[in-house]
C-alpha atoms as a PDB file:
ATOM      1  CA  UNK A   1     161.606  -3.441  78.493  1.00  0.00           C
ATOM      2  CA  UNK A   2     161.234  -6.950  77.081  1.00  0.00           C
ATOM      3  CA  UNK A   3     157.759  -6.397  75.733  1.00  0.00           C
ATOM      4  CA  UNK A   4     157.142  -2.762  74.955  1.00  0.00           C
ATOM      5  CA  UNK A   5     154.034  -1.654  76.692  1.00  0.00           C
ATOM      6  CA  UNK A   6     151.931   1.420  76.137  1.00  0.00           C
ATOM      7  CA  UNK A   7     152.445   3.740  79.056  1.00  0.00           C
ATOM      8  CA  UNK A   8     151.412   7.288  79.825  1.00  0.00           C
ATOM      9  CA  UNK A   9     154.323   9.078  81.460  1.00  0.00           C
ATOM     10  CA  UNK A  10     153.399  11.816  83.912  1.00  0.00           C
ATOM     11  CA  UNK A  11     149.740  11.787  83.041  1.00  0.00           C
ATOM     12  CA  UNK A  12     149.522  15.590  82.958  1.00  0.00           C
ATOM     13  CA  UNK A  13     147.671  15.588  79.645  1.00  0.00           C
ATOM     14  CA  UNK A  14     147.140  19.303  79.768  1.00  0.00           C
ATOM     15  CA  UNK A  15     150.889  20.003  80.026  1.00  0.00           C
ATOM     16  CA  UNK A  16     151.988  18.060  77.002  1.00  0.00           C
ATOM     17  CA  UNK A  17     149.646  16.023  74.866  1.00  0.00           C
ATOM     18  CA  UNK A  18     150.912  12.542  74.128  1.00  0.00           C
ATOM     19  CA  UNK A  19     154.300  12.012  72.540  1.00  0.00           C
ATOM     20  CA  UNK A  20     155.279   8.826  70.706  1.00  0.00           C
ATOM     21  CA  UNK A  21     158.659   7.346  71.437  1.00  0.00           C
ATOM     22  CA  UNK A  22     159.819   4.110  69.834  1.00  0.00           C
ATOM     23  CA  UNK A  23     162.965   3.198  71.721  1.00  0.00           C
ATOM     24  CA  UNK A  24     163.828   1.496  75.009  1.00  0.00           C
ATOM     25  CA  UNK A  25     165.424   4.336  76.890  1.00  0.00           C
ATOM     26  CA  UNK A  26     163.597   7.651  76.701  1.00  0.00           C
ATOM     27  CA  UNK A  27     165.802  10.442  77.916  1.00  0.00           C
ATOM     28  CA  UNK A  28     164.588  14.003  78.226  1.00  0.00           C
ATOM     29  CA  UNK A  29     161.475  14.351  76.090  1.00  0.00           C
ATOM     30  CA  UNK A  30     160.828  17.977  76.937  1.00  0.00           C
ATOM     31  CA  UNK A  31     161.017  20.405  79.797  1.00  0.00           C
ATOM     32  CA  UNK A  32     157.879  18.982  81.352  1.00  0.00           C
ATOM     33  CA  UNK A  33     158.202  15.200  80.992  1.00  0.00           C
ATOM     34  CA  UNK A  34     161.170  12.958  81.866  1.00  0.00           C
ATOM     35  CA  UNK A  35     160.943   9.201  81.703  1.00  0.00           C
ATOM     36  CA  UNK A  36     162.979   6.017  81.290  1.00  0.00           C
ATOM     37  CA  UNK A  37     162.143   2.850  79.397  1.00  0.00           C
ATOM     38  CA  UNK A  38     158.805   4.043  78.126  1.00  0.00           C
ATOM     39  CA  UNK A  39     156.748   4.288  75.019  1.00  0.00           C
ATOM     40  CA  UNK A  40     154.200   7.078  74.904  1.00  0.00           C
ATOM     41  CA  UNK A  41     151.309   6.610  72.535  1.00  0.00           C
ATOM     42  CA  UNK A  42     147.851   8.068  71.948  1.00  0.00           C
ATOM     43  CA  UNK A  43     145.401   6.477  74.322  1.00  0.00           C
ATOM     44  CA  UNK A  44     141.748   5.902  73.681  1.00  0.00           C
ATOM     45  CA  UNK A  45     140.876   8.782  75.996  1.00  0.00           C
ATOM     46  CA  UNK A  46     143.143  11.162  74.113  1.00  0.00           C
ATOM     47  CA  UNK A  47     141.726  10.090  70.787  1.00  0.00           C
ATOM     48  CA  UNK A  48     138.202  10.745  71.997  1.00  0.00           C
ATOM     49  CA  UNK A  49     139.295  14.124  73.300  1.00  0.00           C
ATOM     50  CA  UNK A  50     140.809  15.060  69.945  1.00  0.00           C
ATOM     51  CA  UNK A  51     137.709  13.904  68.067  1.00  0.00           C
ATOM     52  CA  UNK A  52     135.494  15.936  70.396  1.00  0.00           C
ATOM     53  CA  UNK A  53     137.576  19.076  69.871  1.00  0.00           C
ATOM     54  CA  UNK A  54     137.453  18.561  66.104  1.00  0.00           C
ATOM     55  CA  UNK A  55     133.662  18.182  66.112  1.00  0.00           C
ATOM     56  CA  UNK A  56     133.194  21.308  68.259  1.00  0.00           C
ATOM     57  CA  UNK A  57     135.448  23.410  66.016  1.00  0.00           C
ATOM     58  CA  UNK A  58     133.782  22.087  62.869  1.00  0.00           C
ATOM     59  CA  UNK A  59     130.299  22.803  64.227  1.00  0.00           C
ATOM     60  CA  UNK A  60     131.270  26.314  65.267  1.00  0.00           C
ATOM     61  CA  UNK A  61     132.751  26.977  61.825  1.00  0.00           C
ATOM     62  CA  UNK A  62     129.649  25.955  59.902  1.00  0.00           C
ATOM     63  CA  UNK A  63     127.237  27.562  62.361  1.00  0.00           C
ATOM     64  CA  UNK A  64     128.722  30.958  61.480  1.00  0.00           C
ATOM     65  CA  UNK A  65     127.502  30.530  57.923  1.00  0.00           C
ATOM     66  CA  UNK A  66     124.200  28.919  58.897  1.00  0.00           C
ATOM     67  CA  UNK A  67     123.045  32.164  60.515  1.00  0.00           C
ATOM     68  CA  UNK A  68     122.781  33.958  57.163  1.00  0.00           C
ATOM     69  CA  UNK A  69     120.155  33.370  54.482  1.00  0.00           C
ATOM     70  CA  UNK A  70     119.973  35.161  51.166  1.00  0.00           C
ATOM     71  CA  UNK A  71     116.754  37.150  50.801  1.00  0.00           C
ATOM     72  CA  UNK A  72     115.015  36.972  47.450  1.00  0.00           C
ATOM     73  CA  UNK A  73     114.371  40.106  45.470  1.00  0.00           C
ATOM     74  CA  UNK A  74     116.340  43.186  44.388  1.00  0.00           C
ATOM     75  CA  UNK A  75     118.292  40.884  42.066  1.00  0.00           C
ATOM     76  CA  UNK A  76     121.617  42.317  41.079  1.00  0.00           C
ATOM     77  CA  UNK A  77     120.909  45.461  43.057  1.00  0.00           C
ATOM     78  CA  UNK A  78     123.816  47.375  44.557  1.00  0.00           C
ATOM     79  CA  UNK A  79     122.467  48.072  48.045  1.00  0.00           C
ATOM     80  CA  UNK A  80     124.007  51.187  49.570  1.00  0.00           C
ATOM     81  CA  UNK A  81     121.916  51.741  52.713  1.00  0.00           C
ATOM     82  CA  UNK A  82     118.986  50.375  54.713  1.00  0.00           C
ATOM     83  CA  UNK A  83     116.610  51.548  57.426  1.00  0.00           C
ATOM     84  CA  UNK A  84     113.427  50.327  59.123  1.00  0.00           C
ATOM     85  CA  UNK A  85     110.308  52.313  59.924  1.00  0.00           C
ATOM     86  CA  UNK A  86     107.425  50.697  61.777  1.00  0.00           C
ATOM     87  CA  UNK A  87     106.744  47.399  59.952  1.00  0.00           C
ATOM     88  CA  UNK A  88     108.629  48.347  56.777  1.00  0.00           C
ATOM     89  CA  UNK A  89     112.184  47.686  55.641  1.00  0.00           C
ATOM     90  CA  UNK A  90     113.611  50.212  53.187  1.00  0.00           C
ATOM     91  CA  UNK A  91     116.608  49.697  50.913  1.00  0.00           C
ATOM     92  CA  UNK A  92     118.445  52.375  48.976  1.00  0.00           C
ATOM     93  CA  UNK A  93     120.420  51.334  45.928  1.00  0.00           C
ATOM     94  CA  UNK A  94     123.111  52.737  43.706  1.00  0.00           C
ATOM     95  CA  UNK A  95     121.302  53.874  40.573  1.00  0.00           C
ATOM     96  CA  UNK A  96     118.041  51.975  41.023  1.00  0.00           C
ATOM     97  CA  UNK A  97     116.221  54.073  43.600  1.00  0.00           C
ATOM     98  CA  UNK A  98     114.292  52.771  46.597  1.00  0.00           C
ATOM     99  CA  UNK A  99     112.710  49.442  47.525  1.00  0.00           C
ATOM    100  CA  UNK A 100     110.547  48.480  50.474  1.00  0.00           C
ATOM    101  CA  UNK A 101     109.245  45.330  52.141  1.00  0.00           C
ATOM    102  CA  UNK A 102     106.354  44.948  54.571  1.00  0.00           C
ATOM    103  CA  UNK A 103     106.891  41.238  55.307  1.00  0.00           C
ATOM    104  CA  UNK A 104     110.459  41.091  56.645  1.00  0.00           C
ATOM    105  CA  UNK A 105     112.097  40.908  53.238  1.00  0.00           C
ATOM    106  CA  UNK A 106     110.046  38.099  51.699  1.00  0.00           C
ATOM    107  CA  UNK A 107     108.749  40.397  48.977  1.00  0.00           C
ATOM    108  CA  UNK A 108     109.983  43.754  47.714  1.00  0.00           C
ATOM    109  CA  UNK A 109     108.430  46.559  45.715  1.00  0.00           C
ATOM    110  CA  UNK A 110     109.680  49.786  44.225  1.00  0.00           C
ATOM    111  CA  UNK A 111     109.457  52.754  46.578  1.00  0.00           C
ATOM    112  CA  UNK A 112     110.211  55.725  44.372  1.00  0.00           C
ATOM    113  CA  UNK A 113     113.239  57.866  43.522  1.00  0.00           C
ATOM    114  CA  UNK A 114     113.707  55.900  40.306  1.00  0.00           C
ATOM    115  CA  UNK A 115     117.267  55.703  38.965  1.00  0.00           C
ATOM    116  CA  UNK A 116     118.613  57.656  41.920  1.00  0.00           C
ATOM    117  CA  UNK A 117     121.685  56.724  43.920  1.00  0.00           C
ATOM    118  CA  UNK A 118     120.690  56.646  47.571  1.00  0.00           C
ATOM    119  CA  UNK A 119     123.616  57.335  49.877  1.00  0.00           C
ATOM    120  CA  UNK A 120     121.918  57.426  53.280  1.00  0.00           C
ATOM    121  CA  UNK A 121     118.535  56.628  54.845  1.00  0.00           C
ATOM    122  CA  UNK A 122     117.146  57.700  58.229  1.00  0.00           C
ATOM    123  CA  UNK A 123     113.670  57.991  59.688  1.00  0.00           C
ATOM    124  CA  UNK A 124     111.812  59.599  62.546  1.00  0.00           C
ATOM    125  CA  UNK A 125     108.251  59.093  63.745  1.00  0.00           C
ATOM    126  CA  UNK A 126     106.825  61.057  60.823  1.00  0.00           C
ATOM    127  CA  UNK A 127     109.159  61.005  57.829  1.00  0.00           C
ATOM    128  CA  UNK A 128     111.567  58.824  55.917  1.00  0.00           C
ATOM    129  CA  UNK A 129     114.594  60.775  54.671  1.00  0.00           C
ATOM    130  CA  UNK A 130     116.837  59.844  51.751  1.00  0.00           C
ATOM    131  CA  UNK A 131     120.194  61.460  51.067  1.00  0.00           C
ATOM    132  CA  UNK A 132     121.150  61.305  47.396  1.00  0.00           C
ATOM    133  CA  UNK A 133     123.678  62.818  45.016  1.00  0.00           C
ATOM    134  CA  UNK A 134     120.937  65.321  44.120  1.00  0.00           C
ATOM    135  CA  UNK A 135     119.949  66.398  47.611  1.00  0.00           C
ATOM    136  CA  UNK A 136     117.628  65.301  50.409  1.00  0.00           C
ATOM    137  CA  UNK A 137     114.173  63.835  49.826  1.00  0.00           C
ATOM    138  CA  UNK A 138     111.514  62.963  52.380  1.00  0.00           C
ATOM    139  CA  UNK A 139     108.404  60.794  52.390  1.00  0.00           C
ATOM    140  CA  UNK A 140     105.475  60.813  54.818  1.00  0.00           C
ATOM    141  CA  UNK A 141     103.696  57.800  53.264  1.00  0.00           C
ATOM    142  CA  UNK A 142     106.303  55.043  53.565  1.00  0.00           C
ATOM    143  CA  UNK A 143     107.937  55.750  50.229  1.00  0.00           C
ATOM    144  CA  UNK A 144     104.856  56.023  48.017  1.00  0.00           C
ATOM    145  CA  UNK A 145     105.621  59.669  47.258  1.00  0.00           C
ATOM    146  CA  UNK A 146     108.673  61.835  47.836  1.00  0.00           C
ATOM    147  CA  UNK A 147     109.238  65.547  48.147  1.00  0.00           C
ATOM    148  CA  UNK A 148     112.409  67.593  47.748  1.00  0.00           C
ATOM    149  CA  UNK A 149     113.818  68.865  51.058  1.00  0.00           C
ATOM    150  CA  UNK A 150     116.889  70.852  50.042  1.00  0.00           C
ATOM    151  CA  UNK A 151     116.232  74.501  50.797  1.00  0.00           C
ATOM    152  CA  UNK A 152     119.389  76.043  52.269  1.00  0.00           C
ATOM    153  CA  UNK A 153     121.828  73.278  51.331  1.00  0.00           C
ATOM    154  CA  UNK A 154     124.501  74.593  48.981  1.00  0.00           C
ATOM    155  CA  UNK A 155     126.198  71.294  48.145  1.00  0.00           C
ATOM    156  CA  UNK A 156     123.526  68.804  47.115  1.00  0.00           C
ATOM    157  CA  UNK A 157     125.869  65.800  47.040  1.00  0.00           C
ATOM    158  CA  UNK A 158     124.614  64.311  50.320  1.00  0.00           C
ATOM    159  CA  UNK A 159     126.999  61.870  51.967  1.00  0.00           C
ATOM    160  CA  UNK A 160     125.355  61.164  55.347  1.00  0.00           C
ATOM    161  CA  UNK A 161     122.180  61.723  57.358  1.00  0.00           C
ATOM    162  CA  UNK A 162     121.391  61.510  61.076  1.00  0.00           C
ATOM    163  CA  UNK A 163     118.443  62.438  63.287  1.00  0.00           C
ATOM    164  CA  UNK A 164     117.863  63.183  66.950  1.00  0.00           C
ATOM    165  CA  UNK A 165     114.776  64.372  68.807  1.00  0.00           C
ATOM    166  CA  UNK A 166     115.286  67.939  67.571  1.00  0.00           C
ATOM    167  CA  UNK A 167     117.360  68.141  64.397  1.00  0.00           C
ATOM    168  CA  UNK A 168     118.055  66.338  61.164  1.00  0.00           C
ATOM    169  CA  UNK A 169     121.716  66.487  60.147  1.00  0.00           C
ATOM    170  CA  UNK A 170     123.088  66.186  56.627  1.00  0.00           C
ATOM    171  CA  UNK A 171     126.706  65.652  55.668  1.00  0.00           C
ATOM    172  CA  UNK A 172     127.952  66.830  52.293  1.00  0.00           C
ATOM    173  CA  UNK A 173     131.156  66.965  50.279  1.00  0.00           C
ATOM    174  CA  UNK A 174     131.885  70.236  52.069  1.00  0.00           C
ATOM    175  CA  UNK A 175     130.542  70.534  55.579  1.00  0.00           C
ATOM    176  CA  UNK A 176     127.384  69.692  57.475  1.00  0.00           C
ATOM    177  CA  UNK A 177     123.864  71.119  57.628  1.00  0.00           C
ATOM    178  CA  UNK A 178     120.984  70.808  60.050  1.00  0.00           C
ATOM    179  CA  UNK A 179     117.222  71.261  59.899  1.00  0.00           C
ATOM    180  CA  UNK A 180     114.877  72.145  62.732  1.00  0.00           C
ATOM    181  CA  UNK A 181     111.684  71.740  60.689  1.00  0.00           C
ATOM    182  CA  UNK A 182     111.998  68.186  59.381  1.00  0.00           C
ATOM    183  CA  UNK A 183     113.892  69.102  56.257  1.00  0.00           C
ATOM    184  CA  UNK A 184     111.874  72.060  54.994  1.00  0.00           C
ATOM    185  CA  UNK A 185     114.785  74.442  55.556  1.00  0.00           C
ATOM    186  CA  UNK A 186     118.451  73.886  56.359  1.00  0.00           C
ATOM    187  CA  UNK A 187     121.212  75.930  57.920  1.00  0.00           C
ATOM    188  CA  UNK A 188     124.966  75.541  57.980  1.00  0.00           C
ATOM    189  CA  UNK A 189     126.128  73.353  60.856  1.00  0.00           C
ATOM    190  CA  UNK A 190     129.847  73.926  60.515  1.00  0.00           C
ATOM    191  CA  UNK A 191     132.761  71.849  59.245  1.00  0.00           C
ATOM    192  CA  UNK A 192     132.677  73.920  56.082  1.00  0.00           C
ATOM    193  CA  UNK A 193     136.072  75.332  55.164  1.00  0.00           C
ATOM    194  CA  UNK A 194     137.324  77.061  52.039  1.00  0.00           C
ATOM    195  CA  UNK A 195     136.823  75.542  48.620  1.00  0.00           C
ATOM    196  CA  UNK A 196     140.480  74.524  48.509  1.00  0.00           C
ATOM    197  CA  UNK A 197     140.205  72.750  51.872  1.00  0.00           C
ATOM    198  CA  UNK A 198     136.850  71.018  51.718  1.00  0.00           C
ATOM    199  CA  UNK A 199     135.766  68.859  54.624  1.00  0.00           C
ATOM    200  CA  UNK A 200     133.894  65.876  53.229  1.00  0.00           C
ATOM    201  CA  UNK A 201     131.574  64.318  55.805  1.00  0.00           C
ATOM    202  CA  UNK A 202     131.420  60.539  55.341  1.00  0.00           C
ATOM    203  CA  UNK A 203     129.307  59.558  58.340  1.00  0.00           C
ATOM    204  CA  UNK A 204     127.177  61.172  61.070  1.00  0.00           C
ATOM    205  CA  UNK A 205     126.072  59.472  64.284  1.00  0.00           C
ATOM    206  CA  UNK A 206     124.424  60.510  67.537  1.00  0.00           C
ATOM    207  CA  UNK A 207     125.349  59.455  71.048  1.00  0.00           C
ATOM    208  CA  UNK A 208     123.695  61.191  73.969  1.00  0.00           C
ATOM    209  CA  UNK A 209     124.201  64.935  73.691  1.00  0.00           C
ATOM    210  CA  UNK A 210     126.937  64.589  71.079  1.00  0.00           C
ATOM    211  CA  UNK A 211     126.962  64.600  67.293  1.00  0.00           C
ATOM    212  CA  UNK A 212     129.941  62.861  65.684  1.00  0.00           C
ATOM    213  CA  UNK A 213     131.170  63.388  62.142  1.00  0.00           C
ATOM    214  CA  UNK A 214     133.612  61.135  60.313  1.00  0.00           C
ATOM    215  CA  UNK A 215     135.418  63.227  57.702  1.00  0.00           C
ATOM    216  CA  UNK A 216     138.411  63.233  55.384  1.00  0.00           C
ATOM    217  CA  UNK A 217     140.178  65.247  58.100  1.00  0.00           C
ATOM    218  CA  UNK A 218     139.397  62.976  61.032  1.00  0.00           C
ATOM    219  CA  UNK A 219     136.608  62.744  63.602  1.00  0.00           C
ATOM    220  CA  UNK A 220     134.789  65.802  64.878  1.00  0.00           C
ATOM    221  CA  UNK A 221     132.409  66.079  67.813  1.00  0.00           C
ATOM    222  CA  UNK A 222     129.798  68.685  68.690  1.00  0.00           C
ATOM    223  CA  UNK A 223     128.097  69.059  72.059  1.00  0.00           C
ATOM    224  CA  UNK A 224     125.830  71.934  70.974  1.00  0.00           C
ATOM    225  CA  UNK A 225     123.923  70.542  67.996  1.00  0.00           C
ATOM    226  CA  UNK A 226     126.532  71.557  65.455  1.00  0.00           C
ATOM    227  CA  UNK A 227     127.228  75.120  66.518  1.00  0.00           C
ATOM    228  CA  UNK A 228     130.811  74.221  67.366  1.00  0.00           C
ATOM    229  CA  UNK A 229     133.000  71.247  66.524  1.00  0.00           C
ATOM    230  CA  UNK A 230     136.243  69.859  67.905  1.00  0.00           C
ATOM    231  CA  UNK A 231     138.618  67.309  66.477  1.00  0.00           C
ATOM    232  CA  UNK A 232     138.922  64.437  68.955  1.00  0.00           C
ATOM    233  CA  UNK A 233     142.321  63.090  68.060  1.00  0.00           C
ATOM    234  CA  UNK A 234     141.962  61.483  64.652  1.00  0.00           C
ATOM    235  CA  UNK A 235     143.308  63.493  61.735  1.00  0.00           C
ATOM    236  CA  UNK A 236     143.173  60.885  59.013  1.00  0.00           C
ATOM    237  CA  UNK A 237     140.450  59.958  56.531  1.00  0.00           C
ATOM    238  CA  UNK A 238     137.628  58.249  58.455  1.00  0.00           C
ATOM    239  CA  UNK A 239     134.735  56.553  56.650  1.00  0.00           C
ATOM    240  CA  UNK A 240     132.507  55.067  59.340  1.00  0.00           C
ATOM    241  CA  UNK A 241     131.639  55.390  63.020  1.00  0.00           C
ATOM    242  CA  UNK A 242     129.708  53.259  65.498  1.00  0.00           C
ATOM    243  CA  UNK A 243     129.227  53.230  69.260  1.00  0.00           C
ATOM    244  CA  UNK A 244     129.208  49.993  71.238  1.00  0.00           C
ATOM    245  CA  UNK A 245     129.183  49.821  75.054  1.00  0.00           C
ATOM    246  CA  UNK A 246     130.550  53.354  75.489  1.00  0.00           C
ATOM    247  CA  UNK A 247     133.343  52.751  72.993  1.00  0.00           C
ATOM    248  CA  UNK A 248     133.630  54.670  69.736  1.00  0.00           C
ATOM    249  CA  UNK A 249     134.876  52.606  66.780  1.00  0.00           C
ATOM    250  CA  UNK A 250     136.254  54.347  63.705  1.00  0.00           C
ATOM    251  CA  UNK A 251     136.747  52.715  60.321  1.00  0.00           C
ATOM    252  CA  UNK A 252     139.447  54.525  58.389  1.00  0.00           C
ATOM    253  CA  UNK A 253     140.763  54.664  54.842  1.00  0.00           C
ATOM    254  CA  UNK A 254     143.901  52.490  54.566  1.00  0.00           C
ATOM    255  CA  UNK A 255     144.561  52.415  58.336  1.00  0.00           C
ATOM    256  CA  UNK A 256     142.075  49.859  59.630  1.00  0.00           C
ATOM    257  CA  UNK A 257     139.870  50.305  62.698  1.00  0.00           C
ATOM    258  CA  UNK A 258     140.526  52.401  65.797  1.00  0.00           C
ATOM    259  CA  UNK A 259     138.648  52.446  69.094  1.00  0.00           C
ATOM    260  CA  UNK A 260     138.337  55.127  71.768  1.00  0.00           C
ATOM    261  CA  UNK A 261     137.018  54.738  75.317  1.00  0.00           C
ATOM    262  CA  UNK A 262     136.908  58.464  76.169  1.00  0.00           C
ATOM    263  CA  UNK A 263     135.201  60.108  73.220  1.00  0.00           C
END
């Protein structure tokens, strides 16, 4: 070329985005584009395309953070669990007891169990239940007063709570318990082995007819309200469980997250 002109060679922009060559005879540029006597430069269209992509990515990045707003109150509190009941939000803390809010977190007030470490919170239509290192407590007045609900539980270091339409389940450092009378009395619900082989229950969840327990020995499932349990394939330390669209997700200790579609 006498005067080098800006040319787009093989205008398949989606195959290979704009290469700059600064010599007269362009041989093989890549496997997709071959050309002779050409100079490939960024065109105005390509520049606009790149700018648009940049803006979209930047907007998406910042929008992720824009969805979260820090709620005032409970300053410095180590929040360990949360639950909602009717128009109240309840927060359990590590060492500072319970808090509650009746206006979607704008204001918070103490809700009893002073200086307690709350491990788990669940609620049904009548009671709010708190699992602590000193046993199970329940409240029928939205946290204004609490009563002890431990009768029958041998290990009072409660690690998890769950409820269905019939039972309340409590996980401990050695096995699980269940209550048919809203926490007044408890009975052994299995997973309890010898003292030298304790099964620590880290999490309890419900899904349909099944109760699932995440333990230091894997995941167990019961189809008969805790009368019998079976290990469902995980035999490592599992901390957390959640169901999403018929898939069971398991958060483990040191091994990341696993998912099962047939549990």
